Protein backbone atom coordinates (compact mmCIF):
# COMPACT_ATOMS: atom_id res chain seq x y z
CA MET A 1 -108.60 127.19 141.87
CA ALA A 2 -104.91 126.26 141.82
CA GLU A 3 -104.09 122.63 141.31
CA ALA A 4 -102.98 120.94 144.52
CA ARG A 5 -99.38 119.78 144.60
CA PRO A 6 -99.10 115.97 144.61
CA ALA A 7 -98.05 114.36 147.85
CA GLY A 8 -94.30 113.97 148.00
CA ALA A 9 -93.68 116.59 145.29
CA HIS A 10 -91.75 118.84 147.68
CA THR A 11 -89.54 115.92 148.74
CA HIS A 12 -88.86 115.07 145.09
CA VAL A 13 -87.83 118.66 144.31
CA TRP A 14 -85.67 118.82 147.46
CA LEU A 15 -83.87 115.61 146.51
CA ARG A 16 -83.36 116.83 142.95
CA ASP A 17 -81.85 120.10 144.20
CA ALA A 18 -79.72 118.21 146.73
CA ARG A 19 -78.32 116.02 143.94
CA ALA A 20 -77.52 119.09 141.83
CA ILE A 21 -75.80 120.84 144.75
CA LEU A 22 -73.86 117.74 145.81
CA GLY A 23 -72.85 117.04 142.21
CA LEU A 24 -71.15 120.42 142.05
CA ALA A 25 -70.01 120.42 145.67
CA TRP A 26 -68.12 117.15 145.95
CA PRO A 27 -65.14 118.18 143.77
CA VAL A 28 -64.98 121.47 145.71
CA PHE A 29 -65.07 119.52 148.96
CA VAL A 30 -62.30 117.14 147.92
CA GLY A 31 -60.16 120.02 146.67
CA GLN A 32 -60.69 122.13 149.78
CA LEU A 33 -59.98 119.11 151.95
CA ALA A 34 -56.65 118.80 150.16
CA VAL A 35 -55.97 122.49 150.86
CA LEU A 36 -56.83 122.07 154.53
CA GLY A 37 -54.57 119.05 154.49
CA PHE A 38 -51.73 121.56 154.20
CA SER A 39 -52.46 122.96 157.67
CA THR A 40 -53.30 119.51 159.06
CA VAL A 41 -49.93 118.15 157.95
CA ASP A 42 -48.21 121.24 159.35
CA THR A 43 -50.04 120.89 162.68
CA VAL A 44 -49.13 117.21 163.04
CA LEU A 45 -45.48 117.80 162.09
CA ALA A 46 -45.09 120.86 164.30
CA GLY A 47 -46.70 118.93 167.15
CA ARG A 48 -44.06 116.24 166.75
CA VAL A 49 -41.27 118.84 166.85
CA GLY A 50 -42.55 120.31 170.13
CA PRO A 51 -45.01 122.70 171.83
CA ILE A 52 -42.97 125.80 170.90
CA ASP A 53 -43.16 125.05 167.17
CA LEU A 54 -46.85 124.18 167.49
CA ALA A 55 -47.54 127.47 169.27
CA ALA A 56 -45.55 129.36 166.61
CA LEU A 57 -47.60 127.65 163.91
CA ALA A 58 -50.86 128.60 165.66
CA ILE A 59 -49.91 132.30 165.86
CA GLY A 60 -48.21 132.45 162.46
CA SER A 61 -50.99 130.68 160.61
CA ALA A 62 -53.55 132.93 162.35
CA ALA A 63 -51.70 135.99 161.04
CA TYR A 64 -51.38 134.55 157.53
CA ILE A 65 -55.01 133.50 157.32
CA THR A 66 -56.17 136.90 158.56
CA VAL A 67 -54.23 138.73 155.84
CA PHE A 68 -54.82 136.26 153.03
CA VAL A 69 -58.55 135.76 153.55
CA ALA A 70 -59.18 139.51 153.68
CA LEU A 71 -57.45 139.93 150.31
CA MET A 72 -59.01 136.79 148.85
CA GLY A 73 -62.49 138.04 149.77
CA VAL A 74 -62.22 140.93 147.32
CA MET A 75 -61.56 138.48 144.51
CA LEU A 76 -64.41 136.14 145.37
CA ALA A 77 -66.76 138.64 143.71
CA LEU A 78 -65.66 136.91 140.50
CA GLY A 79 -67.81 133.89 141.40
CA PRO A 80 -71.29 135.50 141.46
CA LEU A 81 -70.43 137.85 138.57
CA ALA A 82 -69.13 135.12 136.27
CA GLY A 83 -71.87 132.74 137.42
CA ARG A 84 -74.61 135.15 136.37
CA LEU A 85 -72.91 135.73 133.02
CA GLN A 86 -72.60 131.96 132.55
CA GLY A 87 -76.32 131.54 133.21
CA ALA A 88 -77.11 134.31 130.72
CA GLY A 89 -74.89 132.70 128.06
CA ARG A 90 -72.48 135.66 127.97
CA LEU A 91 -69.32 133.59 128.08
CA ARG A 92 -66.93 136.14 126.63
CA ARG A 93 -67.92 138.65 129.33
CA ALA A 94 -67.36 135.95 131.96
CA GLY A 95 -63.82 135.45 130.62
CA ALA A 96 -63.19 139.19 130.75
CA GLN A 97 -64.18 139.21 134.41
CA PHE A 98 -61.57 136.53 135.08
CA HIS A 99 -58.80 138.72 133.70
CA GLN A 100 -59.83 141.63 135.90
CA ALA A 101 -59.63 139.29 138.90
CA VAL A 102 -56.04 138.41 137.96
CA TRP A 103 -55.15 142.10 137.86
CA LEU A 104 -56.72 142.42 141.30
CA SER A 105 -54.61 139.54 142.59
CA LEU A 106 -51.43 141.29 141.46
CA GLY A 107 -52.39 144.58 143.10
CA LEU A 108 -53.54 143.00 146.36
CA SER A 109 -50.37 140.94 146.69
CA LEU A 110 -48.27 144.00 147.50
CA PRO A 111 -49.90 144.89 150.86
CA GLY A 112 -50.32 141.19 151.65
CA VAL A 113 -46.60 140.44 151.37
CA ALA A 114 -45.68 143.60 153.28
CA LEU A 115 -47.96 142.81 156.24
CA LEU A 116 -46.45 139.35 156.65
CA LEU A 117 -42.84 140.44 156.27
CA TRP A 118 -43.35 142.76 159.25
CA PRO A 119 -45.67 140.80 161.60
CA GLU A 120 -44.95 142.81 164.77
CA PRO A 121 -48.62 143.88 165.29
CA PHE A 122 -49.72 140.24 165.46
CA LEU A 123 -46.92 139.38 167.88
CA ALA A 124 -47.84 142.32 170.10
CA LEU A 125 -51.44 141.10 170.28
CA ALA A 126 -50.33 137.56 171.10
CA HIS A 127 -47.87 138.58 173.85
CA ALA A 128 -45.82 135.64 172.59
CA GLU A 129 -42.84 134.40 174.54
CA ALA A 130 -39.48 135.33 173.00
CA ASP A 131 -38.62 131.92 171.54
CA VAL A 132 -42.10 131.53 170.09
CA ALA A 133 -42.02 135.06 168.61
CA ASP A 134 -38.69 134.38 166.87
CA ARG A 135 -40.10 131.30 165.17
CA VAL A 136 -43.30 133.11 164.18
CA GLN A 137 -41.26 135.82 162.46
CA ALA A 138 -39.08 133.31 160.60
CA TYR A 139 -42.19 131.35 159.55
CA LEU A 140 -44.07 134.39 158.20
CA ARG A 141 -41.09 135.89 156.37
CA VAL A 142 -41.05 132.79 154.21
CA LEU A 143 -44.82 132.26 153.95
CA ALA A 144 -45.35 135.86 152.77
CA TRP A 145 -44.18 134.83 149.29
CA ALA A 146 -47.06 132.38 148.98
CA VAL A 147 -49.55 135.28 148.83
CA PRO A 148 -49.22 136.24 145.11
CA ALA A 149 -49.52 132.63 143.98
CA GLY A 150 -52.39 131.96 146.38
CA LEU A 151 -54.39 134.96 145.17
CA GLY A 152 -53.75 134.07 141.52
CA PHE A 153 -54.99 130.55 142.13
CA THR A 154 -58.06 132.01 143.86
CA ALA A 155 -59.04 133.66 140.56
CA TYR A 156 -58.61 130.33 138.76
CA ARG A 157 -60.67 128.53 141.41
CA ALA A 158 -63.50 131.10 141.51
CA PHE A 159 -63.82 131.18 137.73
CA ASN A 160 -63.92 127.40 137.34
CA THR A 161 -66.50 127.04 140.10
CA ALA A 162 -68.66 129.74 138.49
CA VAL A 163 -68.69 127.93 135.14
CA SER A 164 -69.43 124.54 136.79
CA ARG A 165 -65.95 123.09 136.26
CA PRO A 166 -64.68 122.44 139.79
CA LYS A 167 -62.92 119.18 138.90
CA ALA A 168 -60.20 121.18 137.12
CA VAL A 169 -59.44 122.89 140.43
CA MET A 170 -59.70 119.69 142.43
CA ALA A 171 -57.07 117.95 140.30
CA LEU A 172 -54.48 120.64 140.97
CA GLN A 173 -55.31 120.81 144.68
CA LEU A 174 -54.93 117.05 145.08
CA GLY A 175 -51.63 117.17 143.22
CA GLY A 176 -50.49 120.00 145.46
CA PHE A 177 -51.32 118.03 148.59
CA ALA A 178 -49.52 114.95 147.27
CA LEU A 179 -46.39 117.07 146.90
CA LYS A 180 -46.87 119.01 150.15
CA VAL A 181 -46.72 115.94 152.43
CA PRO A 182 -43.26 114.59 151.53
CA LEU A 183 -41.85 118.05 150.96
CA SER A 184 -42.95 119.21 154.43
CA ILE A 185 -41.54 116.09 156.10
CA VAL A 186 -38.16 116.57 154.43
CA LEU A 187 -37.95 120.29 155.19
CA VAL A 188 -39.26 120.06 158.78
CA PHE A 189 -37.09 117.16 159.95
CA GLY A 190 -34.23 117.41 157.44
CA TRP A 191 -32.88 114.77 155.08
CA GLY A 192 -29.32 114.17 153.92
CA PRO A 193 -27.62 117.55 153.40
CA LEU A 194 -30.88 119.46 154.12
CA PRO A 195 -30.99 120.69 157.73
CA ALA A 196 -34.09 120.36 159.91
CA MET A 197 -36.04 123.64 159.69
CA GLY A 198 -38.91 122.92 162.07
CA VAL A 199 -41.96 125.09 161.52
CA VAL A 200 -40.14 127.19 158.89
CA GLY A 201 -39.95 124.08 156.70
CA CYS A 202 -43.75 124.03 156.64
CA ALA A 203 -43.72 127.54 155.20
CA TRP A 204 -41.20 126.71 152.47
CA ALA A 205 -43.22 123.67 151.39
CA THR A 206 -46.39 125.78 151.10
CA VAL A 207 -44.65 128.46 149.03
CA ILE A 208 -43.27 125.92 146.54
CA VAL A 209 -46.59 124.11 146.13
CA ASN A 210 -48.65 127.30 145.79
CA TRP A 211 -46.49 128.61 142.97
CA LEU A 212 -46.62 125.30 141.10
CA GLU A 213 -50.45 125.26 141.36
CA ALA A 214 -50.73 128.83 140.09
CA VAL A 215 -48.47 128.25 137.09
CA LEU A 216 -50.20 124.99 136.12
CA GLY A 217 -53.64 126.59 136.49
CA TRP A 218 -52.73 129.42 134.15
CA ALA A 219 -51.30 126.95 131.63
CA LEU A 220 -54.51 124.87 131.66
CA LEU A 221 -56.61 127.96 130.91
CA GLN A 222 -54.52 128.52 127.81
CA ILE A 223 -54.45 125.00 126.37
CA ASP A 224 -57.76 123.36 127.39
CA PRO A 225 -60.37 123.64 124.57
CA PHE A 226 -63.15 124.01 127.16
CA TYR A 227 -62.14 127.64 127.76
CA GLN A 228 -62.16 128.72 124.09
CA PRO A 229 -65.72 130.19 124.20
CA TYR A 230 -64.56 132.50 127.00
CA HIS A 231 -62.01 134.11 124.64
CA LEU A 232 -59.11 134.02 127.04
CA PRO A 233 -56.07 135.50 125.19
CA ARG A 234 -53.18 133.09 124.99
CA TRP A 235 -50.43 133.67 127.57
CA ARG A 236 -51.31 137.32 128.26
CA LEU A 237 -53.77 139.37 130.28
CA GLN A 238 -56.45 141.59 128.84
CA SER A 239 -56.01 145.26 129.62
CA LEU A 240 -57.60 146.75 132.71
CA HIS A 241 -61.32 147.42 132.26
CA ARG A 242 -62.62 150.12 134.60
CA GLN A 243 -66.27 149.05 134.60
CA ALA A 244 -65.59 145.34 135.20
CA LEU A 245 -62.98 146.11 137.85
CA GLY A 246 -65.42 148.46 139.53
CA GLN A 247 -68.09 145.74 139.62
CA GLN A 248 -65.71 143.36 141.34
CA LEU A 249 -64.62 145.94 143.90
CA ARG A 250 -68.17 147.07 144.74
CA LEU A 251 -69.23 143.49 145.32
CA GLY A 252 -65.92 142.20 146.64
CA LEU A 253 -65.02 144.78 149.28
CA PRO A 254 -68.02 143.96 151.53
CA ILE A 255 -67.32 140.25 150.98
CA ALA A 256 -63.72 140.85 152.06
CA ALA A 257 -64.87 142.78 155.12
CA SER A 258 -67.30 139.99 156.05
CA MET A 259 -64.62 137.34 155.64
CA LEU A 260 -62.12 139.41 157.62
CA ILE A 261 -64.62 139.74 160.46
CA GLU A 262 -65.42 136.01 160.33
CA VAL A 263 -61.82 134.88 160.15
CA THR A 264 -60.49 137.30 162.76
CA GLY A 265 -63.26 136.09 165.03
CA PHE A 266 -61.32 132.81 165.04
CA THR A 267 -57.72 133.78 164.33
CA PHE A 268 -57.71 136.38 167.09
CA MET A 269 -58.90 133.61 169.39
CA ALA A 270 -55.52 131.95 168.83
CA ILE A 271 -53.69 135.22 169.35
CA PHE A 272 -55.51 136.01 172.61
CA ILE A 273 -55.38 132.42 173.88
CA ALA A 274 -51.60 132.60 173.38
CA ARG A 275 -51.62 135.01 176.35
CA LEU A 276 -52.75 132.09 178.52
CA GLY A 277 -49.56 130.18 177.72
CA THR A 278 -48.00 127.74 175.27
CA LEU A 279 -50.10 124.71 176.27
CA PRO A 280 -53.55 126.37 175.92
CA VAL A 281 -52.76 127.75 172.47
CA ALA A 282 -51.42 124.34 171.39
CA GLY A 283 -54.70 122.73 172.52
CA HIS A 284 -56.67 125.44 170.70
CA GLN A 285 -54.69 124.79 167.51
CA ILE A 286 -55.90 121.18 167.48
CA ALA A 287 -59.54 122.21 167.98
CA ALA A 288 -59.20 124.92 165.33
CA ASN A 289 -57.72 122.48 162.84
CA LEU A 290 -60.56 119.99 163.39
CA THR A 291 -63.04 122.85 162.94
CA GLY A 292 -61.36 123.68 159.66
CA LEU A 293 -61.70 120.07 158.53
CA LEU A 294 -65.41 120.08 159.39
CA PHE A 295 -65.87 123.43 157.66
CA MET A 296 -64.80 122.08 154.28
CA MET A 297 -68.16 120.43 153.61
CA PRO A 298 -70.38 123.49 154.27
CA LEU A 299 -67.87 125.58 152.33
CA ALA A 300 -68.21 123.23 149.36
CA LEU A 301 -72.01 123.27 149.64
CA ALA A 302 -71.92 127.06 149.88
CA ASN A 303 -69.83 127.36 146.71
CA ALA A 304 -72.11 124.97 144.84
CA SER A 305 -75.31 126.61 146.06
CA SER A 306 -74.02 130.09 145.22
CA THR A 307 -73.01 128.97 141.71
CA LEU A 308 -76.39 127.41 140.96
CA VAL A 309 -78.25 130.40 142.40
CA ALA A 310 -76.14 132.85 140.36
CA GLN A 311 -76.61 130.87 137.15
CA ALA A 312 -80.37 130.70 137.76
CA ILE A 313 -80.49 134.47 138.33
CA GLY A 314 -78.50 135.06 135.15
CA ALA A 315 -81.01 132.92 133.24
CA ARG A 316 -83.81 134.90 134.99
CA ARG A 317 -85.21 131.81 136.73
CA LEU A 318 -85.77 133.57 140.03
CA ALA A 319 -88.05 130.92 141.56
CA ASP A 320 -85.34 128.32 140.99
CA ALA A 321 -82.71 130.64 142.48
CA ARG A 322 -84.83 131.21 145.59
CA ARG A 323 -85.46 127.49 146.10
CA LEU A 324 -81.88 126.38 145.46
CA GLY A 325 -80.47 128.80 148.02
CA TRP A 326 -82.79 127.66 150.77
CA HIS A 327 -82.35 123.98 150.00
CA GLY A 328 -78.59 124.50 150.19
CA VAL A 329 -78.96 125.82 153.75
CA GLU A 330 -81.13 122.87 154.77
CA LEU A 331 -78.75 120.33 153.27
CA SER A 332 -75.74 121.89 154.98
CA VAL A 333 -77.41 121.82 158.40
CA LEU A 334 -78.38 118.17 158.00
CA ILE A 335 -74.82 117.12 157.09
CA ALA A 336 -73.32 119.34 159.82
CA VAL A 337 -75.40 117.67 162.54
CA LEU A 338 -74.16 114.25 161.43
CA ALA A 339 -70.51 115.31 161.10
CA GLY A 340 -70.43 117.31 164.32
CA GLY A 341 -71.98 114.45 166.27
CA LEU A 342 -69.37 112.04 164.93
CA VAL A 343 -66.50 114.33 165.94
CA PHE A 344 -67.98 114.75 169.42
CA LEU A 345 -68.11 110.98 169.92
CA LEU A 346 -64.61 110.35 168.53
CA ARG A 347 -62.86 113.36 170.05
CA PRO A 348 -60.57 111.41 172.47
CA TRP A 349 -59.05 109.42 169.60
CA LEU A 350 -58.94 112.40 167.23
CA VAL A 351 -57.04 114.59 169.68
CA ARG A 352 -54.49 111.88 170.46
CA GLY A 353 -53.84 111.59 166.74
CA TYR A 354 -52.40 115.11 166.85
CA THR A 355 -50.21 114.90 169.94
CA GLY A 356 -49.04 112.53 172.64
CA ASP A 357 -48.57 115.33 175.19
CA ALA A 358 -51.05 114.54 177.98
CA ALA A 359 -51.35 118.17 179.10
CA VAL A 360 -52.22 119.37 175.57
CA VAL A 361 -54.73 116.51 175.18
CA ALA A 362 -56.50 117.49 178.41
CA LEU A 363 -56.82 121.11 177.29
CA ALA A 364 -57.94 120.23 173.74
CA LEU A 365 -60.75 117.77 174.60
CA PRO A 366 -63.33 120.31 175.89
CA LEU A 367 -62.46 122.70 173.07
CA VAL A 368 -63.17 120.02 170.47
CA ALA A 369 -66.54 119.34 172.12
CA TRP A 370 -67.49 123.01 171.68
CA ALA A 371 -66.13 122.96 168.11
CA ALA A 372 -68.51 120.11 167.20
CA LEU A 373 -71.50 122.14 168.44
CA CYS A 374 -70.27 125.36 166.85
CA HIS A 375 -70.04 123.62 163.48
CA VAL A 376 -73.83 123.36 162.97
CA ALA A 377 -74.39 127.12 163.23
CA ASP A 378 -71.26 127.75 161.14
CA ALA A 379 -72.60 125.56 158.33
CA ALA A 380 -75.97 127.33 158.20
CA GLN A 381 -74.55 130.85 158.15
CA THR A 382 -71.91 130.00 155.54
CA VAL A 383 -74.35 128.70 152.92
CA ALA A 384 -76.81 131.54 153.59
CA ALA A 385 -74.05 134.13 153.15
CA PHE A 386 -72.83 132.59 149.87
CA ALA A 387 -76.38 132.42 148.50
CA LEU A 388 -76.83 136.10 149.33
CA ARG A 389 -73.67 136.90 147.35
CA ALA A 390 -75.31 135.38 144.29
CA TRP A 391 -78.12 137.93 144.76
CA HIS A 392 -75.36 140.61 145.06
CA VAL A 393 -76.33 141.26 148.70
CA THR A 394 -73.08 141.71 150.61
CA THR A 395 -73.30 144.84 152.78
CA LEU A 396 -76.00 143.71 155.24
CA PRO A 397 -74.25 140.37 155.87
CA MET A 398 -71.13 142.38 156.73
CA VAL A 399 -73.10 144.27 159.41
CA VAL A 400 -74.50 140.99 160.76
CA TYR A 401 -71.01 139.52 161.01
CA ALA A 402 -69.66 142.56 162.84
CA ALA A 403 -72.42 142.41 165.46
CA ALA A 404 -72.47 138.62 165.88
CA LEU A 405 -68.85 137.56 165.50
CA TRP A 406 -67.02 140.57 166.91
CA GLY A 407 -69.72 141.90 169.25
CA ILE A 408 -70.70 138.54 170.74
CA GLY A 409 -68.06 136.03 169.65
CA LEU A 410 -64.72 137.79 170.08
CA SER A 411 -65.68 140.39 172.70
CA GLY A 412 -67.71 137.86 174.68
CA GLY A 413 -64.90 135.34 174.47
CA TYR A 414 -62.36 137.85 175.74
CA THR A 415 -64.65 138.71 178.65
CA LEU A 416 -65.14 135.07 179.61
CA ALA A 417 -61.47 134.19 179.17
CA PHE A 418 -59.87 137.08 181.05
CA LEU A 419 -62.51 138.99 182.99
CA ALA A 420 -64.90 136.32 184.30
CA PRO A 421 -64.91 135.86 188.11
CA ALA A 422 -62.73 133.03 189.39
CA ASP A 423 -65.71 131.23 190.93
CA TRP A 424 -67.39 130.76 187.52
CA PRO A 425 -67.24 127.18 186.11
CA ALA A 426 -64.01 126.34 184.33
CA ALA A 427 -66.09 125.15 181.37
CA VAL A 428 -66.82 128.78 180.42
CA ARG A 429 -63.52 130.43 181.42
CA GLY A 430 -60.08 130.52 179.83
CA ALA A 431 -59.79 129.09 176.32
CA ASN A 432 -63.22 127.46 176.74
CA GLY A 433 -64.79 130.93 177.06
CA PHE A 434 -63.76 131.87 173.53
CA TRP A 435 -65.43 128.77 172.09
CA VAL A 436 -68.62 129.33 174.13
CA ALA A 437 -68.94 132.88 172.82
CA ALA A 438 -68.06 131.86 169.25
CA THR A 439 -70.89 129.33 169.26
CA GLY A 440 -73.33 132.01 170.41
CA GLY A 441 -72.15 134.51 167.80
CA LEU A 442 -72.35 132.04 164.93
CA THR A 443 -75.85 130.98 166.00
CA LEU A 444 -77.03 134.60 165.86
CA ALA A 445 -75.37 135.08 162.46
CA ALA A 446 -77.04 131.95 161.08
CA LEU A 447 -80.51 133.08 162.19
CA ALA A 448 -80.06 136.62 160.85
CA LEU A 449 -78.64 135.59 157.46
CA ALA A 450 -81.30 132.92 156.95
CA ALA A 451 -84.01 135.54 157.58
CA LEU A 452 -82.29 137.92 155.15
CA LEU A 453 -82.11 135.18 152.50
CA ARG A 454 -85.85 134.59 152.87
CA ARG A 455 -86.51 138.30 152.39
CA VAL A 456 -84.19 138.72 149.39
CA GLY A 457 -85.71 135.65 147.71
CA ARG A 458 -89.08 137.39 147.46
CA GLN A 459 -87.78 139.60 144.60
CA THR A 460 -89.88 139.30 141.45
CA ASP A 461 -87.48 140.97 139.02
CA ILE A 462 -83.77 141.66 138.73
CA ASN A 463 -81.52 143.52 136.32
CA PRO A 464 -79.85 141.31 133.68
CA PRO A 465 -76.08 140.78 134.03
CA THR A 466 -73.80 143.19 132.17
């Protein structure tokens, strides 16, 4: 007869796993918060310039995020691959995977830059007014040159997270934010001989900071003794390796598709809401930015959980991998309930911190209320999806995202916003309709991915990393 588990043993294990996840997650959270600070600073500054610049930022940043996240998703395969190799003690192979990710970043930069230099498809979807469209084009033609640096830094970030060294990334991200704030202020409003650039100044500041982060990250990989066991050649790339590159593409393309579906589920909200006018899209931008701030914690927990699960799989500790993934989901939901509730209570003060325009405030308040509720489901599905990546399960989550976020979230939102009868409550029509549908779609995704994680975790054997 099996020995009974002592009372409180499950709680002890849960707390131990929570400490391990949080220990790896907090530097990721701080670093990602600094990155989101870029868009927060831009939103506040553009809001001070005027509604036209704020609307241009909402549409332009939606276009940039759509393109960049789709490309970045391919490279995020580096995390679970290097994490498994780290757990198996195959450090040189982990370093080789990093170099293939850098090659990927160079190749993916070409279509990324091209799409942003010619943003007409995004403008056509937004039906932007002429003055807004002109500023969107000027903004994106500068921001396009941030793509190569951003993708290169993604490889640096994914590799360091996979080998449990997120503080190295955090330090650069904090330094980047410290430079971004004064640089954006100077370029947006002008200073001395520098003219005021408005929203275009935000783009120039981001480009400068992204390139500095990428160059410093590459330099640290070359000179820090920590990376010596990974056999990273000094100041040059290893040659292309077909097998390693193929592994990243097979795992990364479904991740990219999933992220594209998830992100467009939100970025296209901004583009479609722009059809309702300048004020609704400005209010949506505030709610979207607060959602992004909230999302940083589950994203950090997801990265940490995925890393620990991948390392456990690489070391062939499958029971630990199964438990860590599920405990990561539980921890993220608990924190999301607390954070979302706080935002709901403080939303009047939070919204007025972005803008003093009474009309924008009135439109943003109900959207922020929905954003707080949406956050709980978003947290659960994010950690579940990242844990599944550690098990190299990426295709089924992509199908779930398509059905939940496009089928229910975006399509349902469009129906409520533009096709709902006029006698329906205002709380579910217009811009509100997109947030109602997004909450429903994310809830379905969270339930489906959690069930899939349970099923995948029942595996009793797995191929060793190569």
